[in-house]
Amino acid sequence: MLAACTQPGGQAAQAAAAAPPGSAVSRTALAGQTDQSRNDEYVIGAGDSLSIFVYHNPDLSEPGVAVRPDGRISTPLINDLTAAGRTPTQLAHDIEEKLKKYIQDPLVTVIVRGFVGPADRQVKVIGEATDPEAIPYRDGMTLLDVMIATRGMTKYAAGNRAVIIRREAGGKHETLHVHLNDLLKDGDITQNVAMQPGDTLIIPQSWF
């Protein structure tokens, strides 16, 4: 679960001190925030599930907001707002700006409760995986993590002929050959390669 809130004016320091571990606190007054910390924030994607809380305004809060396929959300008093591609902190600020015409000094917290992420931050698994799917990428993700998430391979899989298609700069693609049978059945840890956002793992079917 990821949480982000914004604090108006002089409450910025208090928000930073009171923020729980893992929370991202955005403060307009804190101009010294580094680019690196912003880059480390989770980016919302279509299909994510959000909770939006407006301090002292429960009627404007929504505990379950789904990001639509078009990347937008709707909340009380706000018909359409782009959420995909924004961090929780940025989205909280956007909502505050929209609410300023209705309430004074709105304070908004955005919590990401269900993770899908944008398409370019997913790892896609197709072919003879038990549960082929798109998995939200996380830091340090390995091929073994991906196989655990997709519950391994079917009995028809040719695991040692699997490939990872990786996007490179300029739109080019790199093909990495991996031996899933050696990794999963023989424990060959050399095949446990690091995954990258946007990777596609293809597990072909065996030839009979």
N, C-alpha and C. Protein backbone atom coordinates (compact mmCIF):
# COMPACT_ATOMS: atom_id res chain seq x y z
N MET A 1 0.85 -1.18 0.00
CA MET A 1 0.00 0.00 0.00
C MET A 1 0.88 1.23 0.00
N LEU A 2 0.59 2.20 -0.86
CA LEU A 2 1.36 3.43 -0.94
C LEU A 2 0.44 4.59 -0.63
N ALA A 3 0.92 5.55 0.17
CA ALA A 3 0.11 6.70 0.54
C ALA A 3 0.86 7.97 0.21
N ALA A 4 0.11 9.00 -0.20
CA ALA A 4 0.71 10.31 -0.45
C ALA A 4 -0.30 11.36 -0.06
N CYS A 5 0.19 12.41 0.58
CA CYS A 5 -0.69 13.52 0.91
C CYS A 5 0.07 14.80 0.68
N THR A 6 -0.67 15.90 0.59
CA THR A 6 -0.05 17.21 0.48
C THR A 6 -0.50 18.04 1.64
N GLN A 7 0.38 18.96 2.08
CA GLN A 7 0.08 19.79 3.23
C GLN A 7 0.21 21.25 2.83
N PRO A 8 -0.75 22.09 3.15
CA PRO A 8 -0.65 23.50 2.84
C PRO A 8 0.26 24.23 3.82
N GLY A 9 0.96 25.20 3.31
CA GLY A 9 1.68 26.18 4.11
C GLY A 9 2.54 25.64 5.20
N GLY A 10 2.32 26.14 6.45
CA GLY A 10 3.18 25.84 7.58
C GLY A 10 3.05 24.44 8.12
N GLN A 11 2.14 23.62 7.62
CA GLN A 11 1.99 22.27 8.13
C GLN A 11 2.95 21.30 7.46
N ALA A 12 3.79 21.77 6.55
CA ALA A 12 4.66 20.87 5.79
C ALA A 12 5.60 20.09 6.69
N ALA A 13 6.25 20.79 7.63
CA ALA A 13 7.21 20.10 8.49
C ALA A 13 6.52 19.07 9.36
N GLN A 14 5.31 19.41 9.86
CA GLN A 14 4.58 18.46 10.69
C GLN A 14 4.21 17.22 9.89
N ALA A 15 3.82 17.41 8.62
CA ALA A 15 3.45 16.27 7.78
C ALA A 15 4.63 15.35 7.58
N ALA A 16 5.82 15.92 7.36
CA ALA A 16 7.01 15.10 7.14
C ALA A 16 7.35 14.30 8.38
N ALA A 17 7.19 14.94 9.56
CA ALA A 17 7.54 14.25 10.80
C ALA A 17 6.54 13.15 11.13
N ALA A 18 5.27 13.40 10.78
CA ALA A 18 4.22 12.44 11.15
C ALA A 18 4.01 11.35 10.13
N ALA A 19 4.65 11.45 8.97
CA ALA A 19 4.41 10.48 7.90
C ALA A 19 4.87 9.10 8.33
N PRO A 20 4.03 8.08 8.13
CA PRO A 20 4.43 6.72 8.50
C PRO A 20 5.46 6.19 7.52
N PRO A 21 6.23 5.16 7.92
CA PRO A 21 7.20 4.58 7.00
C PRO A 21 6.52 4.11 5.73
N GLY A 22 7.15 4.44 4.57
CA GLY A 22 6.60 4.03 3.30
C GLY A 22 5.67 5.06 2.69
N SER A 23 5.32 6.13 3.45
CA SER A 23 4.45 7.16 2.91
C SER A 23 5.27 8.18 2.14
N ALA A 24 4.64 8.76 1.12
CA ALA A 24 5.28 9.82 0.36
C ALA A 24 4.54 11.10 0.64
N VAL A 25 5.19 12.10 1.22
CA VAL A 25 4.55 13.35 1.57
C VAL A 25 5.05 14.44 0.64
N SER A 26 4.13 15.07 -0.08
CA SER A 26 4.48 16.14 -1.00
C SER A 26 4.14 17.47 -0.37
N ARG A 27 5.05 18.39 -0.36
CA ARG A 27 4.82 19.70 0.25
C ARG A 27 5.22 20.76 -0.76
N THR A 28 4.25 21.59 -1.14
CA THR A 28 4.51 22.64 -2.11
C THR A 28 5.60 23.58 -1.60
N ALA A 29 5.61 23.81 -0.27
CA ALA A 29 6.57 24.75 0.29
C ALA A 29 7.98 24.17 0.34
N LEU A 30 8.10 22.87 0.16
CA LEU A 30 9.41 22.25 0.29
C LEU A 30 10.05 22.14 -1.08
N ALA A 31 10.62 23.24 -1.55
CA ALA A 31 11.17 23.29 -2.90
C ALA A 31 12.44 22.50 -3.06
N GLY A 32 13.05 22.11 -1.96
CA GLY A 32 14.32 21.42 -2.05
C GLY A 32 14.21 19.93 -2.27
N GLN A 33 13.02 19.39 -2.49
CA GLN A 33 12.88 17.95 -2.71
C GLN A 33 13.66 17.55 -3.96
N THR A 34 14.39 16.47 -3.90
CA THR A 34 15.28 16.09 -4.99
C THR A 34 14.53 15.39 -6.09
N ASP A 35 15.09 15.46 -7.31
CA ASP A 35 14.51 14.76 -8.44
C ASP A 35 14.55 13.26 -8.21
N GLN A 36 15.58 12.76 -7.53
CA GLN A 36 15.69 11.32 -7.32
C GLN A 36 14.54 10.79 -6.49
N SER A 37 14.14 11.52 -5.43
CA SER A 37 13.05 11.04 -4.58
C SER A 37 11.75 11.00 -5.37
N ARG A 38 11.54 11.96 -6.28
CA ARG A 38 10.33 11.93 -7.10
C ARG A 38 10.37 10.75 -8.05
N ASN A 39 11.53 10.46 -8.61
CA ASN A 39 11.64 9.35 -9.54
C ASN A 39 11.39 8.01 -8.87
N ASP A 40 11.62 7.91 -7.55
CA ASP A 40 11.45 6.66 -6.84
C ASP A 40 9.99 6.39 -6.49
N GLU A 41 9.10 7.37 -6.67
CA GLU A 41 7.70 7.19 -6.32
C GLU A 41 7.00 6.28 -7.32
N TYR A 42 6.01 5.55 -6.82
CA TYR A 42 5.21 4.68 -7.67
C TYR A 42 4.40 5.53 -8.65
N VAL A 43 4.29 5.06 -9.88
CA VAL A 43 3.51 5.74 -10.91
C VAL A 43 2.20 4.98 -11.10
N ILE A 44 1.09 5.68 -10.99
CA ILE A 44 -0.23 5.08 -11.09
C ILE A 44 -0.50 4.65 -12.53
N GLY A 45 -1.19 3.52 -12.68
CA GLY A 45 -1.55 3.02 -14.00
C GLY A 45 -3.01 2.65 -14.07
N ALA A 46 -3.52 2.46 -15.30
CA ALA A 46 -4.90 2.00 -15.49
C ALA A 46 -5.09 0.65 -14.79
N GLY A 47 -6.22 0.51 -14.10
CA GLY A 47 -6.50 -0.72 -13.37
C GLY A 47 -6.12 -0.67 -11.91
N ASP A 48 -5.35 0.34 -11.51
CA ASP A 48 -5.00 0.49 -10.09
C ASP A 48 -6.25 0.83 -9.28
N SER A 49 -6.22 0.46 -8.01
CA SER A 49 -7.30 0.80 -7.08
C SER A 49 -6.79 1.81 -6.07
N LEU A 50 -7.49 2.92 -5.93
CA LEU A 50 -7.05 4.02 -5.07
C LEU A 50 -8.07 4.29 -3.96
N SER A 51 -7.58 4.79 -2.85
CA SER A 51 -8.42 5.39 -1.82
C SER A 51 -8.04 6.87 -1.74
N ILE A 52 -9.06 7.71 -1.76
CA ILE A 52 -8.83 9.16 -1.74
C ILE A 52 -9.56 9.74 -0.53
N PHE A 53 -8.79 10.39 0.33
CA PHE A 53 -9.35 10.96 1.56
C PHE A 53 -9.14 12.48 1.55
N VAL A 54 -10.23 13.19 1.81
CA VAL A 54 -10.18 14.65 1.92
C VAL A 54 -10.39 14.99 3.39
N TYR A 55 -9.36 15.54 4.01
CA TYR A 55 -9.35 15.80 5.45
C TYR A 55 -10.52 16.69 5.85
N HIS A 56 -11.28 16.24 6.88
CA HIS A 56 -12.43 16.95 7.42
C HIS A 56 -13.59 17.05 6.43
N ASN A 57 -13.54 16.29 5.34
CA ASN A 57 -14.62 16.30 4.35
C ASN A 57 -14.93 14.86 3.92
N PRO A 58 -15.54 14.07 4.81
CA PRO A 58 -15.80 12.67 4.48
C PRO A 58 -16.72 12.49 3.27
N ASP A 59 -17.59 13.47 3.01
CA ASP A 59 -18.49 13.37 1.86
C ASP A 59 -17.73 13.44 0.54
N LEU A 60 -16.53 13.99 0.57
CA LEU A 60 -15.73 14.11 -0.65
C LEU A 60 -14.69 12.99 -0.76
N SER A 61 -14.63 12.15 0.26
CA SER A 61 -13.65 11.06 0.26
C SER A 61 -14.24 9.82 -0.41
N GLU A 62 -13.37 9.03 -1.03
CA GLU A 62 -13.79 7.80 -1.70
C GLU A 62 -12.81 6.69 -1.35
N PRO A 63 -13.26 5.64 -0.63
CA PRO A 63 -12.34 4.58 -0.22
C PRO A 63 -11.94 3.64 -1.35
N GLY A 64 -12.74 3.58 -2.41
CA GLY A 64 -12.42 2.67 -3.51
C GLY A 64 -12.64 3.33 -4.85
N VAL A 65 -11.57 3.80 -5.47
CA VAL A 65 -11.65 4.46 -6.78
C VAL A 65 -10.80 3.68 -7.76
N ALA A 66 -11.41 3.17 -8.81
CA ALA A 66 -10.67 2.42 -9.83
C ALA A 66 -10.20 3.36 -10.93
N VAL A 67 -8.96 3.19 -11.35
CA VAL A 67 -8.45 3.96 -12.49
C VAL A 67 -8.95 3.28 -13.76
N ARG A 68 -9.73 3.99 -14.54
CA ARG A 68 -10.37 3.41 -15.71
C ARG A 68 -9.34 3.08 -16.80
N PRO A 69 -9.74 2.29 -17.80
CA PRO A 69 -8.82 1.97 -18.89
C PRO A 69 -8.27 3.20 -19.62
N ASP A 70 -9.04 4.31 -19.58
CA ASP A 70 -8.54 5.54 -20.21
C ASP A 70 -7.59 6.31 -19.31
N GLY A 71 -7.31 5.76 -18.10
CA GLY A 71 -6.36 6.39 -17.20
C GLY A 71 -6.93 7.49 -16.33
N ARG A 72 -8.24 7.64 -16.33
CA ARG A 72 -8.86 8.73 -15.59
C ARG A 72 -9.69 8.19 -14.42
N ILE A 73 -10.00 9.08 -13.48
CA ILE A 73 -10.85 8.72 -12.34
C ILE A 73 -11.94 9.77 -12.19
N SER A 74 -12.97 9.41 -11.43
CA SER A 74 -14.03 10.35 -11.07
C SER A 74 -14.24 10.27 -9.56
N THR A 75 -14.35 11.44 -8.93
CA THR A 75 -14.60 11.53 -7.50
C THR A 75 -15.68 12.59 -7.28
N PRO A 76 -16.26 12.67 -6.07
CA PRO A 76 -17.25 13.72 -5.81
C PRO A 76 -16.73 15.10 -6.16
N LEU A 77 -17.52 15.82 -6.95
CA LEU A 77 -17.23 17.18 -7.44
C LEU A 77 -16.19 17.21 -8.57
N ILE A 78 -15.58 16.09 -8.87
CA ILE A 78 -14.59 16.04 -9.96
C ILE A 78 -15.00 14.92 -10.91
N ASN A 79 -15.48 15.30 -12.08
CA ASN A 79 -16.00 14.30 -13.01
C ASN A 79 -14.91 13.46 -13.65
N ASP A 80 -13.88 14.08 -14.14
CA ASP A 80 -12.80 13.36 -14.82
C ASP A 80 -11.47 14.01 -14.50
N LEU A 81 -10.54 13.17 -14.08
CA LEU A 81 -9.20 13.65 -13.76
C LEU A 81 -8.20 12.57 -14.14
N THR A 82 -7.15 12.96 -14.84
CA THR A 82 -6.13 11.99 -15.26
C THR A 82 -5.34 11.52 -14.06
N ALA A 83 -5.30 10.20 -13.86
CA ALA A 83 -4.53 9.60 -12.77
C ALA A 83 -3.34 8.81 -13.28
N ALA A 84 -3.52 8.11 -14.41
CA ALA A 84 -2.43 7.29 -14.95
C ALA A 84 -1.25 8.16 -15.34
N GLY A 85 -0.06 7.72 -14.98
CA GLY A 85 1.14 8.49 -15.26
C GLY A 85 1.50 9.48 -14.18
N ARG A 86 0.64 9.62 -13.16
CA ARG A 86 0.91 10.53 -12.06
C ARG A 86 1.35 9.71 -10.84
N THR A 87 2.17 10.29 -9.99
CA THR A 87 2.49 9.65 -8.72
C THR A 87 1.35 9.94 -7.74
N PRO A 88 1.23 9.18 -6.65
CA PRO A 88 0.19 9.49 -5.66
C PRO A 88 0.28 10.93 -5.14
N THR A 89 1.49 11.41 -4.96
CA THR A 89 1.67 12.79 -4.50
C THR A 89 1.15 13.79 -5.51
N GLN A 90 1.48 13.58 -6.78
CA GLN A 90 1.02 14.49 -7.83
C GLN A 90 -0.49 14.47 -7.96
N LEU A 91 -1.07 13.27 -7.89
CA LEU A 91 -2.52 13.17 -8.00
C LEU A 91 -3.21 13.85 -6.82
N ALA A 92 -2.67 13.68 -5.61
CA ALA A 92 -3.25 14.36 -4.45
C ALA A 92 -3.24 15.87 -4.65
N HIS A 93 -2.15 16.39 -5.19
CA HIS A 93 -2.06 17.84 -5.46
C HIS A 93 -3.07 18.25 -6.53
N ASP A 94 -3.22 17.44 -7.58
CA ASP A 94 -4.18 17.76 -8.65
C ASP A 94 -5.60 17.83 -8.09
N ILE A 95 -5.94 16.88 -7.21
CA ILE A 95 -7.28 16.88 -6.62
C ILE A 95 -7.48 18.10 -5.75
N GLU A 96 -6.46 18.47 -5.00
CA GLU A 96 -6.56 19.68 -4.16
C GLU A 96 -6.84 20.92 -5.02
N GLU A 97 -6.15 21.02 -6.14
CA GLU A 97 -6.34 22.18 -7.01
C GLU A 97 -7.78 22.23 -7.53
N LYS A 98 -8.35 21.07 -7.85
CA LYS A 98 -9.72 21.02 -8.34
C LYS A 98 -10.73 21.38 -7.25
N LEU A 99 -10.42 20.99 -6.01
CA LEU A 99 -11.36 21.21 -4.90
C LEU A 99 -11.31 22.62 -4.34
N LYS A 100 -10.29 23.38 -4.67
CA LYS A 100 -10.14 24.72 -4.10
C LYS A 100 -11.32 25.64 -4.45
N LYS A 101 -12.00 25.34 -5.55
CA LYS A 101 -13.14 26.17 -5.91
C LYS A 101 -14.37 25.86 -5.06
N TYR A 102 -14.31 24.76 -4.29
CA TYR A 102 -15.45 24.35 -3.48
C TYR A 102 -15.19 24.46 -1.97
N ILE A 103 -13.97 24.16 -1.53
CA ILE A 103 -13.65 24.20 -0.11
C ILE A 103 -12.33 24.93 0.09
N GLN A 104 -12.13 25.45 1.31
CA GLN A 104 -10.93 26.23 1.61
C GLN A 104 -9.80 25.31 2.07
N ASP A 105 -8.64 25.50 1.48
CA ASP A 105 -7.42 24.76 1.84
C ASP A 105 -7.65 23.25 1.94
N PRO A 106 -8.08 22.62 0.86
CA PRO A 106 -8.29 21.17 0.93
C PRO A 106 -6.99 20.42 1.17
N LEU A 107 -7.07 19.36 1.94
CA LEU A 107 -5.92 18.50 2.23
C LEU A 107 -6.30 17.08 1.80
N VAL A 108 -5.57 16.54 0.83
CA VAL A 108 -5.94 15.27 0.21
C VAL A 108 -4.84 14.23 0.41
N THR A 109 -5.24 13.02 0.71
CA THR A 109 -4.34 11.87 0.77
C THR A 109 -4.78 10.84 -0.26
N VAL A 110 -3.83 10.35 -1.06
CA VAL A 110 -4.10 9.30 -2.03
C VAL A 110 -3.33 8.05 -1.63
N ILE A 111 -4.04 6.94 -1.50
CA ILE A 111 -3.44 5.66 -1.14
C ILE A 111 -3.66 4.68 -2.28
N VAL A 112 -2.60 4.06 -2.75
CA VAL A 112 -2.71 3.03 -3.78
C VAL A 112 -2.87 1.69 -3.08
N ARG A 113 -4.02 1.05 -3.26
CA ARG A 113 -4.32 -0.20 -2.56
C ARG A 113 -4.19 -1.42 -3.47
N GLY A 114 -4.43 -1.24 -4.75
CA GLY A 114 -4.29 -2.33 -5.71
C GLY A 114 -3.37 -1.92 -6.82
N PHE A 115 -2.32 -2.71 -7.06
CA PHE A 115 -1.26 -2.30 -7.97
C PHE A 115 -1.37 -3.01 -9.33
N VAL A 116 -1.37 -2.25 -10.36
CA VAL A 116 -1.20 -2.75 -11.72
C VAL A 116 -0.06 -2.01 -12.38
N GLY A 117 -0.10 -0.69 -12.29
CA GLY A 117 0.98 0.13 -12.84
C GLY A 117 0.82 0.37 -14.32
N PRO A 118 1.53 1.36 -14.86
CA PRO A 118 1.46 1.62 -16.30
C PRO A 118 2.08 0.47 -17.09
N ALA A 119 1.69 0.35 -18.35
CA ALA A 119 2.12 -0.78 -19.18
C ALA A 119 3.63 -0.88 -19.29
N ASP A 120 4.31 0.26 -19.33
CA ASP A 120 5.76 0.21 -19.50
C ASP A 120 6.49 -0.12 -18.21
N ARG A 121 5.73 -0.33 -17.12
CA ARG A 121 6.33 -0.75 -15.85
C ARG A 121 5.88 -2.16 -15.47
N GLN A 122 5.30 -2.88 -16.42
CA GLN A 122 4.85 -4.23 -16.16
C GLN A 122 5.80 -5.25 -16.78
N VAL A 123 5.78 -6.45 -16.25
CA VAL A 123 6.47 -7.60 -16.85
C VAL A 123 5.39 -8.54 -17.34
N LYS A 124 5.37 -8.81 -18.64
CA LYS A 124 4.33 -9.64 -19.23
C LYS A 124 4.84 -11.06 -19.45
N VAL A 125 4.00 -12.03 -19.11
CA VAL A 125 4.35 -13.44 -19.27
C VAL A 125 3.30 -14.08 -20.17
N ILE A 126 3.74 -14.66 -21.30
CA ILE A 126 2.81 -15.27 -22.25
C ILE A 126 3.30 -16.66 -22.62
N GLY A 127 2.41 -17.44 -23.17
CA GLY A 127 2.78 -18.79 -23.57
C GLY A 127 2.41 -19.81 -22.50
N GLU A 128 3.30 -20.77 -22.27
CA GLU A 128 2.99 -21.92 -21.43
C GLU A 128 3.32 -21.71 -19.95
N ALA A 129 2.97 -20.55 -19.44
CA ALA A 129 2.96 -20.34 -17.99
C ALA A 129 1.63 -20.84 -17.45
N THR A 130 1.61 -21.28 -16.21
CA THR A 130 0.36 -21.76 -15.63
C THR A 130 -0.68 -20.65 -15.58
N ASP A 131 -0.27 -19.46 -15.18
CA ASP A 131 -1.16 -18.29 -15.15
C ASP A 131 -0.50 -17.13 -15.89
N PRO A 132 -0.56 -17.12 -17.23
CA PRO A 132 0.03 -16.00 -17.97
C PRO A 132 -0.63 -14.68 -17.57
N GLU A 133 0.16 -13.67 -17.32
CA GLU A 133 -0.41 -12.39 -16.91
C GLU A 133 0.63 -11.29 -17.00
N ALA A 134 0.17 -10.06 -16.81
CA ALA A 134 1.04 -8.90 -16.70
C ALA A 134 1.23 -8.61 -15.22
N ILE A 135 2.49 -8.53 -14.78
CA ILE A 135 2.83 -8.38 -13.37
C ILE A 135 3.43 -6.99 -13.15
N PRO A 136 2.99 -6.26 -12.13
CA PRO A 136 3.63 -4.98 -11.84
C PRO A 136 5.10 -5.20 -11.48
N TYR A 137 5.98 -4.46 -12.13
CA TYR A 137 7.41 -4.58 -11.83
C TYR A 137 7.70 -3.98 -10.46
N ARG A 138 8.61 -4.64 -9.74
CA ARG A 138 9.09 -4.08 -8.48
C ARG A 138 10.61 -4.16 -8.46
N ASP A 139 11.23 -3.28 -7.70
CA ASP A 139 12.68 -3.24 -7.64
C ASP A 139 13.25 -4.59 -7.21
N GLY A 140 14.29 -5.02 -7.91
CA GLY A 140 14.95 -6.27 -7.57
C GLY A 140 14.26 -7.51 -8.09
N MET A 141 13.24 -7.36 -8.92
CA MET A 141 12.50 -8.52 -9.43
C MET A 141 13.41 -9.39 -10.29
N THR A 142 13.32 -10.71 -10.10
CA THR A 142 14.10 -11.66 -10.87
C THR A 142 13.18 -12.59 -11.65
N LEU A 143 13.78 -13.40 -12.51
CA LEU A 143 13.01 -14.36 -13.29
C LEU A 143 12.29 -15.35 -12.37
N LEU A 144 12.92 -15.75 -11.28
CA LEU A 144 12.28 -16.67 -10.35
C LEU A 144 11.06 -16.03 -9.71
N ASP A 145 11.13 -14.76 -9.37
CA ASP A 145 9.96 -14.05 -8.83
C ASP A 145 8.80 -14.10 -9.82
N VAL A 146 9.11 -13.92 -11.09
CA VAL A 146 8.08 -13.93 -12.13
C VAL A 146 7.44 -15.32 -12.22
N MET A 147 8.25 -16.35 -12.17
CA MET A 147 7.71 -17.71 -12.27
C MET A 147 6.88 -18.08 -11.05
N ILE A 148 7.26 -17.60 -9.90
CA ILE A 148 6.45 -17.84 -8.70
C ILE A 148 5.09 -17.14 -8.84
N ALA A 149 5.12 -15.91 -9.34
CA ALA A 149 3.87 -15.15 -9.50
C ALA A 149 2.93 -15.79 -10.50
N THR A 150 3.48 -16.45 -11.53
CA THR A 150 2.65 -17.09 -12.56
C THR A 150 2.48 -18.59 -12.31
N ARG A 151 2.91 -19.06 -11.15
CA ARG A 151 2.71 -20.44 -10.70
C ARG A 151 3.39 -21.46 -11.62
N GLY A 152 4.56 -21.09 -12.13
CA GLY A 152 5.35 -22.04 -12.88
C GLY A 152 4.86 -22.25 -14.30
N MET A 153 5.22 -23.42 -14.86
CA MET A 153 4.92 -23.72 -16.27
C MET A 153 3.92 -24.87 -16.38
N THR A 154 3.27 -24.94 -17.51
CA THR A 154 2.40 -26.07 -17.79
C THR A 154 3.25 -27.28 -18.18
N LYS A 155 2.62 -28.45 -18.25
CA LYS A 155 3.35 -29.67 -18.62
C LYS A 155 3.74 -29.67 -20.10
N TYR A 156 3.19 -28.74 -20.86
CA TYR A 156 3.51 -28.66 -22.28
C TYR A 156 4.63 -27.66 -22.58
N ALA A 157 5.17 -27.03 -21.55
CA ALA A 157 6.14 -25.95 -21.76
C ALA A 157 7.51 -26.49 -22.15
N ALA A 158 8.14 -25.77 -23.05
CA ALA A 158 9.55 -26.01 -23.39
C ALA A 158 10.37 -24.95 -22.67
N GLY A 159 10.56 -25.17 -21.37
CA GLY A 159 11.15 -24.13 -20.53
C GLY A 159 12.53 -23.69 -20.94
N ASN A 160 13.33 -24.59 -21.47
CA ASN A 160 14.70 -24.23 -21.84
C ASN A 160 14.78 -23.49 -23.17
N ARG A 161 13.65 -23.29 -23.80
CA ARG A 161 13.61 -22.47 -25.03
C ARG A 161 12.90 -21.14 -24.79
N ALA A 162 12.71 -20.79 -23.53
CA ALA A 162 12.04 -19.52 -23.21
C ALA A 162 12.96 -18.33 -23.54
N VAL A 163 12.33 -17.23 -23.85
CA VAL A 163 13.09 -16.01 -24.16
C VAL A 163 12.46 -14.82 -23.45
N ILE A 164 13.30 -13.85 -23.13
CA ILE A 164 12.85 -12.56 -22.61
C ILE A 164 13.09 -11.52 -23.69
N ILE A 165 12.02 -10.82 -24.07
CA ILE A 165 12.13 -9.73 -25.04
C ILE A 165 12.23 -8.43 -24.25
N ARG A 166 13.33 -7.73 -24.42
CA ARG A 166 13.62 -6.53 -23.63
C ARG A 166 13.75 -5.32 -24.55
N ARG A 167 13.04 -4.29 -24.21
CA ARG A 167 13.10 -3.05 -24.99
C ARG A 167 14.37 -2.28 -24.65
N GLU A 168 14.97 -1.73 -25.69
CA GLU A 168 16.15 -0.90 -25.51
C GLU A 168 15.87 0.51 -26.00
N ALA A 169 16.80 1.40 -25.73
CA ALA A 169 16.66 2.78 -26.18
C ALA A 169 16.56 2.82 -27.70
N GLY A 170 15.73 3.71 -28.19
CA GLY A 170 15.57 3.84 -29.63
C GLY A 170 14.54 2.89 -30.21
N GLY A 171 13.81 2.19 -29.35
CA GLY A 171 12.77 1.30 -29.82
C GLY A 171 13.25 -0.08 -30.25
N LYS A 172 14.54 -0.36 -30.10
CA LYS A 172 15.06 -1.68 -30.46
C LYS A 172 14.73 -2.69 -29.37
N HIS A 173 14.84 -3.98 -29.74
CA HIS A 173 14.54 -5.05 -28.79
C HIS A 173 15.71 -6.02 -28.71
N GLU A 174 15.97 -6.47 -27.50
CA GLU A 174 17.01 -7.47 -27.25
C GLU A 174 16.32 -8.78 -26.84
N THR A 175 16.83 -9.89 -27.36
CA THR A 175 16.29 -11.20 -27.02
C THR A 175 17.26 -11.94 -26.12
N LEU A 176 16.79 -12.31 -24.92
CA LEU A 176 17.61 -13.04 -23.96
C LEU A 176 17.08 -14.46 -23.85
N HIS A 177 17.93 -15.46 -24.08
CA HIS A 177 17.53 -16.85 -23.97
C HIS A 177 17.74 -17.32 -22.53
N VAL A 178 16.71 -17.91 -21.95
CA VAL A 178 16.78 -18.39 -20.57
C VAL A 178 16.34 -19.85 -20.51
N HIS A 179 16.92 -20.60 -19.59
CA HIS A 179 16.61 -22.01 -19.41
C HIS A 179 15.77 -22.20 -18.15
N LEU A 180 14.46 -22.14 -18.32
CA LEU A 180 13.57 -22.23 -17.17
C LEU A 180 13.59 -23.61 -16.52
N ASN A 181 13.73 -24.65 -17.31
CA ASN A 181 13.80 -25.99 -16.72
C ASN A 181 15.01 -26.11 -15.80
N ASP A 182 16.14 -25.58 -16.26
CA ASP A 182 17.34 -25.64 -15.45
C ASP A 182 17.17 -24.85 -14.16
N LEU A 183 16.47 -23.72 -14.24
CA LEU A 183 16.26 -22.89 -13.06
C LEU A 183 15.30 -23.55 -12.08
N LEU A 184 14.15 -24.00 -12.57
CA LEU A 184 13.09 -24.47 -11.70
C LEU A 184 13.27 -25.91 -11.24
N LYS A 185 13.84 -26.75 -12.10
CA LYS A 185 13.95 -28.17 -11.76
C LYS A 185 15.33 -28.56 -11.23
N ASP A 186 16.37 -27.88 -11.77
CA ASP A 186 17.74 -28.24 -11.37
C ASP A 186 18.36 -27.22 -10.42
N GLY A 187 17.67 -26.12 -10.20
CA GLY A 187 18.19 -25.12 -9.27
C GLY A 187 19.38 -24.35 -9.81
N ASP A 188 19.48 -24.21 -11.13
CA ASP A 188 20.59 -23.47 -11.74
C ASP A 188 20.36 -21.98 -11.56
N ILE A 189 20.94 -21.43 -10.50
CA ILE A 189 20.70 -20.04 -10.14
C ILE A 189 21.27 -19.06 -11.15
N THR A 190 22.17 -19.53 -12.02
CA THR A 190 22.72 -18.64 -13.05
C THR A 190 21.64 -18.20 -14.04
N GLN A 191 20.53 -18.93 -14.09
CA GLN A 191 19.43 -18.58 -14.99
C GLN A 191 18.45 -17.60 -14.36
N ASN A 192 18.67 -17.25 -13.09
CA ASN A 192 17.77 -16.34 -12.40
C ASN A 192 18.16 -14.89 -12.70
N VAL A 193 17.89 -14.48 -13.92
CA VAL A 193 18.32 -13.16 -14.39
C VAL A 193 17.44 -12.08 -13.79
N ALA A 194 17.99 -10.88 -13.71
CA ALA A 194 17.23 -9.73 -13.23
C ALA A 194 16.28 -9.26 -14.31
N MET A 195 15.04 -8.99 -13.92
CA MET A 195 14.05 -8.47 -14.86
C MET A 195 14.09 -6.95 -14.89
N GLN A 196 13.55 -6.40 -15.96
CA GLN A 196 13.47 -4.96 -16.11
C GLN A 196 12.05 -4.56 -16.48
N PRO A 197 11.64 -3.34 -16.14
CA PRO A 197 10.29 -2.91 -16.51
C PRO A 197 10.08 -3.01 -18.02
N GLY A 198 8.94 -3.53 -18.43
CA GLY A 198 8.63 -3.65 -19.85
C GLY A 198 9.06 -4.96 -20.47
N ASP A 199 9.74 -5.84 -19.70
CA ASP A 199 10.15 -7.15 -20.23
C ASP A 199 8.94 -8.01 -20.57
N THR A 200 9.11 -8.85 -21.60
CA THR A 200 8.10 -9.85 -21.94
C THR A 200 8.76 -11.22 -21.95
N LEU A 201 8.26 -12.12 -21.11
CA LEU A 201 8.77 -13.49 -21.05
C LEU A 201 7.86 -14.38 -21.90
N ILE A 202 8.46 -15.06 -22.88
CA ILE A 202 7.71 -15.94 -23.77
C ILE A 202 8.15 -17.38 -23.51
N ILE A 203 7.19 -18.22 -23.13
CA ILE A 203 7.46 -19.63 -22.86
C ILE A 203 6.81 -20.46 -23.97
N PRO A 204 7.58 -21.03 -24.87
CA PRO A 204 6.98 -21.76 -25.99
C PRO A 204 6.47 -23.15 -25.58
N GLN A 205 5.75 -23.78 -26.49
CA GLN A 205 5.22 -25.12 -26.26
C GLN A 205 6.24 -26.15 -26.76
N SER A 206 6.27 -27.29 -26.11
CA SER A 206 7.18 -28.35 -26.51
C SER A 206 6.79 -28.91 -27.87
N TRP A 207 7.78 -29.41 -28.59
CA TRP A 207 7.52 -30.12 -29.84
C TRP A 207 7.35 -31.59 -29.53
N PHE A 208 6.33 -32.19 -30.07
CA PHE A 208 6.07 -33.61 -29.81
C PHE A 208 6.37 -34.44 -31.05
